[in-house]
Amino acid sequence: MGHLTTPAAQTAPPRPAAADFKLEGELPMATQAAVPFLELETLRAKEFIPAAREALSSLIAEQGQAKVIRPVFNWAGRNSLFPLHWGLACCAIEFAAAFGARWDAERFGIVPRSSPRQCDLMIVNGTVTWKVAHKLITLYEQMPEPKWVIAMGNCATGGGPFRTAYSVVPGVDKLVPVDIYIAGCPPRPEAMLDGILKLEELIRERKE
């Protein structure tokens, strides 16, 4: 009777280490070792996840600022305009009348302030001479951002009937940037309120 013998155990060929594996234009064969799962997770944790988190955070911040934060700021800004309480010439009488009982400009949230550091709107309501130009620029520079300027009346817009005079600035936009121009000599309080409402429309569409 024959003896039972067990076949010799076949040893598998040694597998190359993961560090020795390099993909050079070809897919790995079945006998080659793939990149270990632990190394893939380490690479994912070190590079992919932080990059994805940063991209997602920037996207959320951008969308949030465009659709939530900026509209709220614009809504608050246009409904609480603080014009500088000052006057230059006859248009200042119309400016003052707009805050009286008949027109009641404060129902639009417009509250004049005497300090330029508390104002965000300058209404240039009269003739601007070169002698007062540097004072106007100083007041404008003291106002915090964001700030807007309305040129009220023909004198502030382009010099008015004194345009050719040596002492008159031919338009306040030669000194400071102007957002809204109001025609008239002088414009009525209704025209000033209409200009402020046009400014509120600009603030509503403000992106930055």
N, C-alpha and C. Protein backbone atom coordinates (compact mmCIF):
# COMPACT_ATOMS: atom_id res chain seq x y z
N MET A 1 0.85 -1.18 0.00
CA MET A 1 0.00 0.00 0.00
C MET A 1 0.88 1.24 0.00
N GLY A 2 0.56 2.17 -0.91
CA GLY A 2 1.44 3.35 -1.06
C GLY A 2 1.32 4.30 0.10
N HIS A 3 2.35 5.09 0.28
CA HIS A 3 2.35 6.13 1.33
C HIS A 3 1.77 7.43 0.78
N LEU A 4 0.95 8.10 1.60
CA LEU A 4 0.40 9.40 1.20
C LEU A 4 1.42 10.50 1.46
N THR A 5 1.63 11.26 0.48
CA THR A 5 2.59 12.37 0.61
C THR A 5 1.88 13.68 0.30
N THR A 6 2.22 14.71 1.03
CA THR A 6 1.65 16.05 0.78
C THR A 6 2.52 16.80 -0.21
N PRO A 7 1.91 17.42 -1.16
CA PRO A 7 2.73 18.16 -2.13
C PRO A 7 3.47 19.32 -1.45
N ALA A 8 4.57 19.62 -1.99
CA ALA A 8 5.37 20.73 -1.43
C ALA A 8 4.64 22.06 -1.59
N ALA A 9 4.69 22.86 -0.54
CA ALA A 9 4.03 24.18 -0.58
C ALA A 9 4.70 25.08 -1.59
N GLN A 10 3.89 25.69 -2.43
CA GLN A 10 4.43 26.60 -3.44
C GLN A 10 4.51 28.02 -2.85
N THR A 11 5.66 28.54 -2.87
CA THR A 11 5.87 29.90 -2.35
C THR A 11 5.61 30.92 -3.44
N ALA A 12 4.83 31.97 -3.08
CA ALA A 12 4.52 33.03 -4.05
C ALA A 12 5.74 33.90 -4.28
N PRO A 13 5.87 34.40 -5.48
CA PRO A 13 7.02 35.28 -5.74
C PRO A 13 6.95 36.52 -4.88
N PRO A 14 8.06 37.01 -4.46
CA PRO A 14 8.05 38.21 -3.59
C PRO A 14 7.42 39.39 -4.30
N ARG A 15 6.57 40.15 -3.58
CA ARG A 15 5.91 41.33 -4.12
C ARG A 15 6.78 42.56 -3.88
N PRO A 16 6.91 43.36 -4.86
CA PRO A 16 7.75 44.56 -4.66
C PRO A 16 7.12 45.49 -3.64
N ALA A 17 7.93 46.25 -2.95
CA ALA A 17 7.43 47.21 -1.95
C ALA A 17 6.67 48.33 -2.64
N ALA A 18 5.77 48.93 -1.87
CA ALA A 18 4.96 50.01 -2.45
C ALA A 18 5.81 51.19 -2.87
N ALA A 19 6.91 51.40 -2.15
CA ALA A 19 7.76 52.54 -2.49
C ALA A 19 8.47 52.32 -3.82
N ASP A 20 8.66 51.03 -4.21
CA ASP A 20 9.35 50.74 -5.46
C ASP A 20 8.42 50.78 -6.66
N PHE A 21 7.11 50.89 -6.40
CA PHE A 21 6.16 50.86 -7.51
C PHE A 21 6.08 52.25 -8.15
N LYS A 22 6.22 52.31 -9.47
CA LYS A 22 6.12 53.55 -10.20
C LYS A 22 5.29 53.29 -11.44
N LEU A 23 4.31 54.16 -11.67
CA LEU A 23 3.45 54.03 -12.83
C LEU A 23 4.04 54.85 -13.96
N GLU A 24 4.58 54.20 -14.96
CA GLU A 24 5.26 54.87 -16.06
C GLU A 24 4.49 54.61 -17.35
N GLY A 25 3.30 55.16 -17.45
CA GLY A 25 2.55 55.06 -18.67
C GLY A 25 1.79 53.76 -18.84
N GLU A 26 1.92 52.79 -17.97
CA GLU A 26 1.22 51.52 -18.09
C GLU A 26 0.51 51.20 -16.79
N LEU A 27 -0.57 50.42 -16.91
CA LEU A 27 -1.29 49.99 -15.72
C LEU A 27 -0.52 48.89 -15.02
N PRO A 28 -0.59 48.81 -13.70
CA PRO A 28 0.14 47.76 -12.99
C PRO A 28 -0.44 46.38 -13.30
N MET A 29 0.44 45.40 -13.37
CA MET A 29 0.03 44.03 -13.60
C MET A 29 -0.52 43.44 -12.30
N ALA A 30 -1.10 42.27 -12.44
CA ALA A 30 -1.70 41.65 -11.28
C ALA A 30 -0.68 41.28 -10.23
N THR A 31 0.55 41.08 -10.68
CA THR A 31 1.58 40.69 -9.72
C THR A 31 2.23 41.88 -9.05
N GLN A 32 1.95 43.10 -9.55
CA GLN A 32 2.56 44.28 -8.96
C GLN A 32 1.69 44.81 -7.82
N ALA A 33 2.33 45.43 -6.88
CA ALA A 33 1.61 45.96 -5.72
C ALA A 33 1.04 47.33 -6.03
N ALA A 34 -0.17 47.56 -5.65
CA ALA A 34 -0.79 48.88 -5.80
C ALA A 34 -0.37 49.77 -4.64
N VAL A 35 -0.70 51.05 -4.75
CA VAL A 35 -0.38 51.97 -3.67
C VAL A 35 -1.21 51.59 -2.45
N PRO A 36 -0.63 51.45 -1.30
CA PRO A 36 -1.39 51.04 -0.12
C PRO A 36 -2.49 52.02 0.21
N PHE A 37 -3.58 51.53 0.78
CA PHE A 37 -4.74 52.36 1.13
C PHE A 37 -4.36 53.43 2.15
N LEU A 38 -3.44 53.08 3.03
CA LEU A 38 -3.03 54.05 4.06
C LEU A 38 -2.36 55.25 3.43
N GLU A 39 -1.53 55.01 2.41
CA GLU A 39 -0.86 56.13 1.75
C GLU A 39 -1.86 56.99 0.98
N LEU A 40 -2.86 56.36 0.38
CA LEU A 40 -3.89 57.14 -0.31
C LEU A 40 -4.64 58.04 0.67
N GLU A 41 -4.99 57.50 1.83
CA GLU A 41 -5.70 58.29 2.83
C GLU A 41 -4.84 59.43 3.36
N THR A 42 -3.53 59.14 3.52
CA THR A 42 -2.63 60.20 3.99
C THR A 42 -2.54 61.31 2.97
N LEU A 43 -2.40 60.95 1.69
CA LEU A 43 -2.34 61.95 0.63
C LEU A 43 -3.64 62.74 0.55
N ARG A 44 -4.76 62.07 0.71
CA ARG A 44 -6.06 62.73 0.67
C ARG A 44 -6.22 63.71 1.83
N ALA A 45 -5.76 63.30 3.01
CA ALA A 45 -5.89 64.17 4.18
C ALA A 45 -4.97 65.38 4.11
N LYS A 46 -3.81 65.21 3.46
CA LYS A 46 -2.82 66.29 3.44
C LYS A 46 -3.08 67.29 2.33
N GLU A 47 -3.55 66.83 1.18
CA GLU A 47 -3.64 67.72 0.03
C GLU A 47 -5.08 67.95 -0.44
N PHE A 48 -5.82 66.87 -0.64
CA PHE A 48 -7.13 67.03 -1.26
C PHE A 48 -8.13 67.71 -0.33
N ILE A 49 -8.22 67.23 0.90
CA ILE A 49 -9.23 67.77 1.82
C ILE A 49 -9.01 69.25 2.12
N PRO A 50 -7.77 69.71 2.45
CA PRO A 50 -7.60 71.16 2.67
C PRO A 50 -7.92 71.99 1.44
N ALA A 51 -7.53 71.49 0.24
CA ALA A 51 -7.83 72.26 -0.97
C ALA A 51 -9.33 72.33 -1.22
N ALA A 52 -10.03 71.21 -1.01
CA ALA A 52 -11.48 71.22 -1.19
C ALA A 52 -12.16 72.11 -0.16
N ARG A 53 -11.68 72.07 1.08
CA ARG A 53 -12.27 72.90 2.12
C ARG A 53 -12.07 74.38 1.81
N GLU A 54 -10.88 74.73 1.33
CA GLU A 54 -10.60 76.13 1.00
C GLU A 54 -11.47 76.59 -0.16
N ALA A 55 -11.60 75.73 -1.20
CA ALA A 55 -12.44 76.11 -2.34
C ALA A 55 -13.90 76.26 -1.93
N LEU A 56 -14.39 75.35 -1.09
CA LEU A 56 -15.78 75.43 -0.65
C LEU A 56 -16.01 76.66 0.23
N SER A 57 -15.04 76.96 1.10
CA SER A 57 -15.19 78.13 1.97
C SER A 57 -15.21 79.42 1.17
N SER A 58 -14.33 79.52 0.17
CA SER A 58 -14.30 80.72 -0.65
C SER A 58 -15.59 80.85 -1.47
N LEU A 59 -16.11 79.72 -1.94
CA LEU A 59 -17.36 79.77 -2.70
C LEU A 59 -18.52 80.22 -1.81
N ILE A 60 -18.60 79.66 -0.61
CA ILE A 60 -19.66 80.05 0.32
C ILE A 60 -19.54 81.52 0.70
N ALA A 61 -18.29 81.98 0.95
CA ALA A 61 -18.09 83.38 1.32
C ALA A 61 -18.48 84.31 0.17
N GLU A 62 -18.10 83.92 -1.06
CA GLU A 62 -18.42 84.76 -2.21
C GLU A 62 -19.92 84.83 -2.44
N GLN A 63 -20.58 83.66 -2.41
CA GLN A 63 -22.02 83.65 -2.62
C GLN A 63 -22.76 84.34 -1.47
N GLY A 64 -22.27 84.12 -0.24
CA GLY A 64 -22.91 84.76 0.90
C GLY A 64 -22.79 86.26 0.86
N GLN A 65 -21.61 86.75 0.45
CA GLN A 65 -21.42 88.19 0.38
C GLN A 65 -22.27 88.79 -0.73
N ALA A 66 -22.39 88.09 -1.85
CA ALA A 66 -23.13 88.64 -2.99
C ALA A 66 -24.64 88.58 -2.76
N LYS A 67 -25.13 87.56 -2.05
CA LYS A 67 -26.57 87.34 -1.95
C LYS A 67 -27.16 87.67 -0.59
N VAL A 68 -26.31 87.78 0.43
CA VAL A 68 -26.84 88.02 1.77
C VAL A 68 -26.23 89.27 2.39
N ILE A 69 -24.90 89.28 2.54
CA ILE A 69 -24.26 90.35 3.29
C ILE A 69 -24.36 91.68 2.55
N ARG A 70 -23.96 91.71 1.27
CA ARG A 70 -23.97 92.97 0.53
C ARG A 70 -25.37 93.55 0.38
N PRO A 71 -26.42 92.76 0.05
CA PRO A 71 -27.77 93.37 0.01
C PRO A 71 -28.22 93.94 1.34
N VAL A 72 -27.84 93.31 2.45
CA VAL A 72 -28.23 93.84 3.76
C VAL A 72 -27.52 95.17 4.01
N PHE A 73 -26.22 95.25 3.70
CA PHE A 73 -25.49 96.50 3.86
C PHE A 73 -26.09 97.59 2.98
N ASN A 74 -26.39 97.24 1.72
CA ASN A 74 -26.97 98.24 0.81
C ASN A 74 -28.34 98.71 1.31
N TRP A 75 -29.14 97.79 1.83
CA TRP A 75 -30.45 98.16 2.36
C TRP A 75 -30.31 99.12 3.54
N ALA A 76 -29.38 98.82 4.45
CA ALA A 76 -29.18 99.69 5.61
C ALA A 76 -28.61 101.03 5.20
N GLY A 77 -27.69 101.05 4.24
CA GLY A 77 -27.07 102.31 3.83
C GLY A 77 -28.02 103.24 3.13
N ARG A 78 -28.84 102.70 2.24
CA ARG A 78 -29.72 103.60 1.47
C ARG A 78 -30.91 104.10 2.29
N ASN A 79 -31.22 103.44 3.38
CA ASN A 79 -32.33 103.88 4.22
C ASN A 79 -31.88 104.67 5.44
N SER A 80 -30.62 105.01 5.51
CA SER A 80 -30.12 105.80 6.64
C SER A 80 -29.02 106.75 6.17
N LEU A 81 -29.33 107.53 5.15
CA LEU A 81 -28.36 108.49 4.64
C LEU A 81 -28.23 109.67 5.60
N PHE A 82 -26.98 110.05 5.89
CA PHE A 82 -26.69 111.18 6.78
C PHE A 82 -25.98 112.26 5.96
N PRO A 83 -26.73 113.23 5.40
CA PRO A 83 -26.06 114.30 4.65
C PRO A 83 -25.38 115.30 5.58
N LEU A 84 -24.35 115.92 5.05
CA LEU A 84 -23.64 116.95 5.81
C LEU A 84 -24.51 118.19 5.91
N HIS A 85 -24.64 118.70 7.14
CA HIS A 85 -25.51 119.86 7.41
C HIS A 85 -24.72 121.14 7.14
N TRP A 86 -24.76 121.59 5.90
CA TRP A 86 -24.05 122.80 5.54
C TRP A 86 -24.72 123.42 4.31
N GLY A 87 -24.34 124.64 3.97
CA GLY A 87 -24.90 125.31 2.81
C GLY A 87 -23.91 126.31 2.24
N LEU A 88 -24.01 126.54 0.93
CA LEU A 88 -23.08 127.43 0.26
C LEU A 88 -23.77 128.68 -0.30
N ALA A 89 -24.95 128.51 -0.88
CA ALA A 89 -25.61 129.66 -1.51
C ALA A 89 -27.12 129.43 -1.47
N CYS A 90 -27.82 129.97 -2.48
CA CYS A 90 -29.29 129.96 -2.43
C CYS A 90 -29.87 128.55 -2.48
N CYS A 91 -29.16 127.57 -3.03
CA CYS A 91 -29.68 126.20 -3.01
C CYS A 91 -29.78 125.65 -1.60
N ALA A 92 -29.02 126.24 -0.68
CA ALA A 92 -29.09 125.78 0.71
C ALA A 92 -30.45 126.09 1.32
N ILE A 93 -31.16 127.13 0.82
CA ILE A 93 -32.50 127.43 1.32
C ILE A 93 -33.44 126.29 0.94
N GLU A 94 -33.33 125.80 -0.29
CA GLU A 94 -34.15 124.66 -0.71
C GLU A 94 -33.77 123.40 0.06
N PHE A 95 -32.49 123.25 0.33
CA PHE A 95 -32.02 122.10 1.13
C PHE A 95 -32.66 122.13 2.52
N ALA A 96 -32.69 123.30 3.13
CA ALA A 96 -33.30 123.43 4.46
C ALA A 96 -34.80 123.22 4.42
N ALA A 97 -35.44 123.72 3.35
CA ALA A 97 -36.89 123.58 3.25
C ALA A 97 -37.30 122.12 3.08
N ALA A 98 -36.44 121.31 2.48
CA ALA A 98 -36.77 119.89 2.27
C ALA A 98 -36.93 119.14 3.58
N PHE A 99 -36.37 119.67 4.65
CA PHE A 99 -36.48 119.00 5.95
C PHE A 99 -37.56 119.62 6.83
N GLY A 100 -38.32 120.53 6.24
CA GLY A 100 -39.42 121.13 6.98
C GLY A 100 -40.65 120.22 6.99
N ALA A 101 -41.74 120.76 7.55
CA ALA A 101 -42.94 119.96 7.74
C ALA A 101 -43.62 119.61 6.41
N ARG A 102 -43.43 120.45 5.39
CA ARG A 102 -44.16 120.22 4.13
C ARG A 102 -43.61 119.03 3.35
N TRP A 103 -42.26 118.91 3.28
CA TRP A 103 -41.65 117.83 2.50
C TRP A 103 -41.11 116.71 3.39
N ASP A 104 -40.67 117.03 4.58
CA ASP A 104 -40.32 116.02 5.58
C ASP A 104 -39.37 114.96 5.02
N ALA A 105 -38.15 115.40 4.66
CA ALA A 105 -37.18 114.48 4.08
C ALA A 105 -36.76 113.38 5.04
N GLU A 106 -36.96 113.60 6.33
CA GLU A 106 -36.53 112.59 7.30
C GLU A 106 -37.38 111.32 7.24
N ARG A 107 -38.53 111.37 6.58
CA ARG A 107 -39.33 110.14 6.44
C ARG A 107 -38.65 109.13 5.53
N PHE A 108 -37.63 109.58 4.76
CA PHE A 108 -36.83 108.67 3.95
C PHE A 108 -35.59 108.18 4.69
N GLY A 109 -35.48 108.50 5.96
CA GLY A 109 -34.29 108.10 6.71
C GLY A 109 -33.12 109.04 6.52
N ILE A 110 -33.36 110.25 6.01
CA ILE A 110 -32.30 111.22 5.74
C ILE A 110 -32.20 112.15 6.94
N VAL A 111 -31.09 112.07 7.65
CA VAL A 111 -30.91 112.86 8.86
C VAL A 111 -29.63 113.68 8.72
N PRO A 112 -29.70 115.01 8.59
CA PRO A 112 -28.49 115.82 8.48
C PRO A 112 -27.66 115.75 9.76
N ARG A 113 -26.35 115.70 9.57
CA ARG A 113 -25.41 115.68 10.70
C ARG A 113 -24.42 116.83 10.51
N SER A 114 -24.03 117.42 11.62
CA SER A 114 -23.14 118.58 11.56
C SER A 114 -21.67 118.20 11.46
N SER A 115 -21.32 116.97 11.81
CA SER A 115 -19.92 116.55 11.74
C SER A 115 -19.69 115.69 10.51
N PRO A 116 -18.68 116.00 9.69
CA PRO A 116 -18.42 115.17 8.51
C PRO A 116 -18.01 113.74 8.87
N ARG A 117 -17.53 113.53 10.09
CA ARG A 117 -17.13 112.18 10.50
C ARG A 117 -18.33 111.26 10.74
N GLN A 118 -19.52 111.84 10.78
CA GLN A 118 -20.74 111.06 10.97
C GLN A 118 -21.62 111.06 9.72
N CYS A 119 -21.10 111.57 8.61
CA CYS A 119 -21.90 111.71 7.39
C CYS A 119 -21.39 110.76 6.30
N ASP A 120 -22.33 110.36 5.44
CA ASP A 120 -21.95 109.57 4.27
C ASP A 120 -22.46 110.19 2.97
N LEU A 121 -23.05 111.39 3.05
CA LEU A 121 -23.56 112.08 1.87
C LEU A 121 -23.24 113.56 1.96
N MET A 122 -22.65 114.08 0.88
CA MET A 122 -22.40 115.52 0.78
C MET A 122 -23.26 116.07 -0.35
N ILE A 123 -24.14 116.99 -0.01
CA ILE A 123 -24.96 117.68 -1.00
C ILE A 123 -24.37 119.06 -1.20
N VAL A 124 -23.72 119.27 -2.32
CA VAL A 124 -23.10 120.57 -2.62
C VAL A 124 -24.21 121.47 -3.15
N ASN A 125 -24.67 122.39 -2.31
CA ASN A 125 -25.89 123.16 -2.60
C ASN A 125 -25.58 124.63 -2.78
N GLY A 126 -24.80 124.96 -3.80
CA GLY A 126 -24.51 126.37 -4.05
C GLY A 126 -23.26 126.54 -4.89
N THR A 127 -22.90 127.79 -5.06
CA THR A 127 -21.73 128.14 -5.86
C THR A 127 -20.45 127.80 -5.09
N VAL A 128 -19.55 127.10 -5.76
CA VAL A 128 -18.27 126.73 -5.15
C VAL A 128 -17.19 127.64 -5.73
N THR A 129 -16.56 128.43 -4.89
CA THR A 129 -15.46 129.28 -5.35
C THR A 129 -14.13 128.59 -5.05
N TRP A 130 -13.10 129.07 -5.72
CA TRP A 130 -11.77 128.49 -5.48
C TRP A 130 -11.29 128.77 -4.07
N LYS A 131 -11.82 129.83 -3.45
CA LYS A 131 -11.42 130.15 -2.09
C LYS A 131 -11.94 129.12 -1.09
N VAL A 132 -13.12 128.54 -1.38
CA VAL A 132 -13.71 127.57 -0.47
C VAL A 132 -13.45 126.14 -0.93
N ALA A 133 -12.78 125.97 -2.05
CA ALA A 133 -12.60 124.62 -2.63
C ALA A 133 -11.82 123.72 -1.69
N HIS A 134 -10.75 124.24 -1.09
CA HIS A 134 -9.94 123.37 -0.23
C HIS A 134 -10.71 122.98 1.03
N LYS A 135 -11.63 123.84 1.49
CA LYS A 135 -12.46 123.48 2.64
C LYS A 135 -13.41 122.34 2.27
N LEU A 136 -13.98 122.43 1.07
CA LEU A 136 -14.88 121.38 0.61
C LEU A 136 -14.14 120.04 0.51
N ILE A 137 -12.93 120.07 -0.04
CA ILE A 137 -12.15 118.83 -0.16
C ILE A 137 -11.82 118.27 1.22
N THR A 138 -11.51 119.16 2.16
CA THR A 138 -11.20 118.70 3.53
C THR A 138 -12.40 118.01 4.16
N LEU A 139 -13.59 118.61 4.01
CA LEU A 139 -14.80 117.99 4.55
C LEU A 139 -15.06 116.64 3.89
N TYR A 140 -14.86 116.57 2.58
CA TYR A 140 -15.09 115.31 1.88
C TYR A 140 -14.13 114.22 2.36
N GLU A 141 -12.89 114.58 2.56
CA GLU A 141 -11.90 113.59 3.01
C GLU A 141 -12.14 113.14 4.44
N GLN A 142 -12.80 113.98 5.25
CA GLN A 142 -13.10 113.59 6.63
C GLN A 142 -14.29 112.65 6.73
N MET A 143 -15.06 112.52 5.67
CA MET A 143 -16.22 111.63 5.69
C MET A 143 -15.77 110.19 5.53
N PRO A 144 -16.35 109.26 6.30
CA PRO A 144 -15.94 107.85 6.19
C PRO A 144 -16.52 107.20 4.95
N GLU A 145 -15.87 106.14 4.51
CA GLU A 145 -16.37 105.34 3.39
C GLU A 145 -17.43 104.37 3.88
N PRO A 146 -18.39 104.04 3.02
CA PRO A 146 -18.66 104.59 1.69
C PRO A 146 -19.35 105.95 1.78
N LYS A 147 -19.10 106.81 0.81
CA LYS A 147 -19.66 108.16 0.83
C LYS A 147 -20.05 108.54 -0.59
N TRP A 148 -21.03 109.45 -0.67
CA TRP A 148 -21.56 109.86 -1.95
C TRP A 148 -21.68 111.37 -2.00
N VAL A 149 -21.75 111.90 -3.23
CA VAL A 149 -21.84 113.35 -3.44
C VAL A 149 -22.97 113.63 -4.42
N ILE A 150 -23.79 114.62 -4.08
CA ILE A 150 -24.85 115.11 -4.97
C ILE A 150 -24.54 116.57 -5.28
N ALA A 151 -24.47 116.89 -6.58
CA ALA A 151 -24.31 118.27 -7.02
C ALA A 151 -25.70 118.86 -7.21
N MET A 152 -26.09 119.77 -6.34
CA MET A 152 -27.45 120.31 -6.34
C MET A 152 -27.45 121.70 -6.96
N GLY A 153 -28.12 121.84 -8.09
CA GLY A 153 -28.26 123.14 -8.74
C GLY A 153 -27.22 123.35 -9.84
N ASN A 154 -27.48 124.36 -10.67
CA ASN A 154 -26.61 124.62 -11.81
C ASN A 154 -25.22 125.08 -11.40
N CYS A 155 -25.12 125.81 -10.29
CA CYS A 155 -23.81 126.31 -9.87
C CYS A 155 -22.88 125.16 -9.46
N ALA A 156 -23.42 124.23 -8.68
CA ALA A 156 -22.61 123.09 -8.27
C ALA A 156 -22.35 122.15 -9.43
N THR A 157 -23.30 122.06 -10.37
CA THR A 157 -23.15 121.14 -11.49
C THR A 157 -22.11 121.63 -12.49
N GLY A 158 -22.21 122.91 -12.89
CA GLY A 158 -21.28 123.39 -13.91
C GLY A 158 -20.89 124.85 -13.78
N GLY A 159 -21.11 125.45 -12.64
CA GLY A 159 -20.75 126.85 -12.47
C GLY A 159 -21.92 127.80 -12.59
N GLY A 160 -23.01 127.36 -13.25
CA GLY A 160 -24.20 128.20 -13.37
C GLY A 160 -23.93 129.49 -14.12
N PRO A 161 -24.60 130.58 -13.74
CA PRO A 161 -24.38 131.85 -14.43
C PRO A 161 -23.01 132.46 -14.16
N PHE A 162 -22.27 131.90 -13.22
CA PHE A 162 -20.94 132.43 -12.87
C PHE A 162 -19.81 131.57 -13.43
N ARG A 163 -20.14 130.75 -14.43
CA ARG A 163 -19.16 129.79 -14.94
C ARG A 163 -17.89 130.47 -15.44
N THR A 164 -18.03 131.62 -16.08
CA THR A 164 -16.87 132.29 -16.66
C THR A 164 -16.13 133.17 -15.67
N ALA A 165 -16.61 133.24 -14.44
CA ALA A 165 -15.93 134.07 -13.44
C ALA A 165 -14.62 133.41 -13.02
N TYR A 166 -13.62 134.23 -12.78
CA TYR A 166 -12.30 133.70 -12.43
C TYR A 166 -12.30 133.01 -11.07
N SER A 167 -13.27 133.38 -10.19
CA SER A 167 -13.26 132.89 -8.82
C SER A 167 -14.15 131.68 -8.59
N VAL A 168 -14.87 131.20 -9.62
CA VAL A 168 -15.86 130.14 -9.45
C VAL A 168 -15.34 128.85 -10.07
N VAL A 169 -15.52 127.75 -9.33
CA VAL A 169 -15.16 126.43 -9.85
C VAL A 169 -16.23 126.01 -10.86
N PRO A 170 -15.86 125.66 -12.10
CA PRO A 170 -16.86 125.29 -13.12
C PRO A 170 -17.35 123.86 -12.94
N GLY A 171 -17.95 123.60 -11.83
CA GLY A 171 -18.45 122.25 -11.55
C GLY A 171 -17.70 121.61 -10.40
N VAL A 172 -18.45 121.13 -9.40
CA VAL A 172 -17.78 120.56 -8.24
C VAL A 172 -17.12 119.23 -8.56
N ASP A 173 -17.47 118.62 -9.70
CA ASP A 173 -16.80 117.37 -10.07
C ASP A 173 -15.34 117.58 -10.45
N LYS A 174 -14.91 118.83 -10.52
CA LYS A 174 -13.48 119.10 -10.69
C LYS A 174 -12.72 118.89 -9.37
N LEU A 175 -13.46 118.82 -8.26
CA LEU A 175 -12.82 118.68 -6.94
C LEU A 175 -13.05 117.31 -6.32
N VAL A 176 -14.27 116.82 -6.37
CA VAL A 176 -14.63 115.54 -5.75
C VAL A 176 -15.49 114.75 -6.74
N PRO A 177 -15.50 113.43 -6.64
CA PRO A 177 -16.37 112.63 -7.54
C PRO A 177 -17.84 112.82 -7.20
N VAL A 178 -18.65 113.03 -8.22
CA VAL A 178 -20.09 113.30 -8.05
C VAL A 178 -20.88 112.10 -8.54
N ASP A 179 -21.88 111.70 -7.76
CA ASP A 179 -22.72 110.55 -8.11
C ASP A 179 -24.03 110.97 -8.77
N ILE A 180 -24.65 112.06 -8.30
CA ILE A 180 -25.95 112.49 -8.82
C ILE A 180 -25.89 113.99 -9.10
N TYR A 181 -26.42 114.40 -10.26
CA TYR A 181 -26.53 115.81 -10.62
C TYR A 181 -28.01 116.21 -10.60
N ILE A 182 -28.31 117.34 -9.96
CA ILE A 182 -29.68 117.85 -9.90
C ILE A 182 -29.70 119.21 -10.59
N ALA A 183 -30.48 119.32 -11.66
CA ALA A 183 -30.55 120.57 -12.42
C ALA A 183 -31.54 121.51 -11.75
N GLY A 184 -31.36 122.81 -12.05
CA GLY A 184 -32.28 123.82 -11.52
C GLY A 184 -31.52 124.99 -10.93
N CYS A 185 -32.19 126.15 -10.90
CA CYS A 185 -31.54 127.33 -10.36
C CYS A 185 -32.57 128.19 -9.61
N PRO A 186 -32.83 127.89 -8.37
CA PRO A 186 -32.39 126.68 -7.66
C PRO A 186 -33.40 125.55 -7.87
N PRO A 187 -33.00 124.30 -7.68
CA PRO A 187 -33.97 123.20 -7.75
C PRO A 187 -34.88 123.21 -6.52
N ARG A 188 -36.12 122.79 -6.72
CA ARG A 188 -37.07 122.75 -5.61
C ARG A 188 -36.76 121.58 -4.68
N PRO A 189 -37.30 121.58 -3.48
CA PRO A 189 -37.08 120.45 -2.58
C PRO A 189 -37.50 119.11 -3.17
N GLU A 190 -38.57 119.11 -4.02
CA GLU A 190 -38.96 117.86 -4.65
C GLU A 190 -37.86 117.31 -5.54
N ALA A 191 -37.15 118.21 -6.23
CA ALA A 191 -36.05 117.76 -7.08
C ALA A 191 -34.91 117.19 -6.25
N MET A 192 -34.64 117.79 -5.10
CA MET A 192 -33.60 117.25 -4.24
C MET A 192 -33.98 115.86 -3.73
N LEU A 193 -35.24 115.69 -3.33
CA LEU A 193 -35.69 114.37 -2.88
C LEU A 193 -35.64 113.36 -4.01
N ASP A 194 -35.96 113.78 -5.22
CA ASP A 194 -35.86 112.87 -6.36
C ASP A 194 -34.42 112.45 -6.61
N GLY A 195 -33.49 113.39 -6.45
CA GLY A 195 -32.09 113.04 -6.60
C GLY A 195 -31.62 112.07 -5.53
N ILE A 196 -32.11 112.24 -4.31
CA ILE A 196 -31.74 111.30 -3.24
C ILE A 196 -32.31 109.92 -3.52
N LEU A 197 -33.54 109.86 -4.05
CA LEU A 197 -34.12 108.56 -4.40
C LEU A 197 -33.32 107.89 -5.53
N LYS A 198 -32.82 108.68 -6.48
CA LYS A 198 -31.96 108.12 -7.53
C LYS A 198 -30.66 107.58 -6.93
N LEU A 199 -30.14 108.29 -5.93
CA LEU A 199 -28.94 107.81 -5.25
C LEU A 199 -29.22 106.50 -4.52
N GLU A 200 -30.39 106.37 -3.93
CA GLU A 200 -30.73 105.13 -3.25
C GLU A 200 -30.79 103.96 -4.23
N GLU A 201 -31.23 104.23 -5.46
CA GLU A 201 -31.21 103.18 -6.47
C GLU A 201 -29.79 102.76 -6.82
N LEU A 202 -28.87 103.73 -6.86
CA LEU A 202 -27.47 103.38 -7.10
C LEU A 202 -26.90 102.54 -5.96
N ILE A 203 -27.24 102.90 -4.74
CA ILE A 203 -26.74 102.15 -3.59
C ILE A 203 -27.31 100.74 -3.58
N ARG A 204 -28.56 100.58 -4.05
CA ARG A 204 -29.18 99.26 -4.08
C ARG A 204 -28.38 98.30 -4.98
N GLU A 205 -27.83 98.83 -6.08
CA GLU A 205 -27.08 98.00 -7.03
C GLU A 205 -25.59 97.95 -6.74
N ARG A 206 -25.18 98.51 -5.62
CA ARG A 206 -23.76 98.56 -5.30
C ARG A 206 -23.23 97.16 -5.05
N LYS A 207 -22.08 96.84 -5.65
CA LYS A 207 -21.49 95.50 -5.56
C LYS A 207 -20.36 95.44 -4.55
N GLU A 208 -19.67 96.57 -4.33
CA GLU A 208 -18.49 96.53 -3.45
C GLU A 208 -18.68 97.51 -2.30
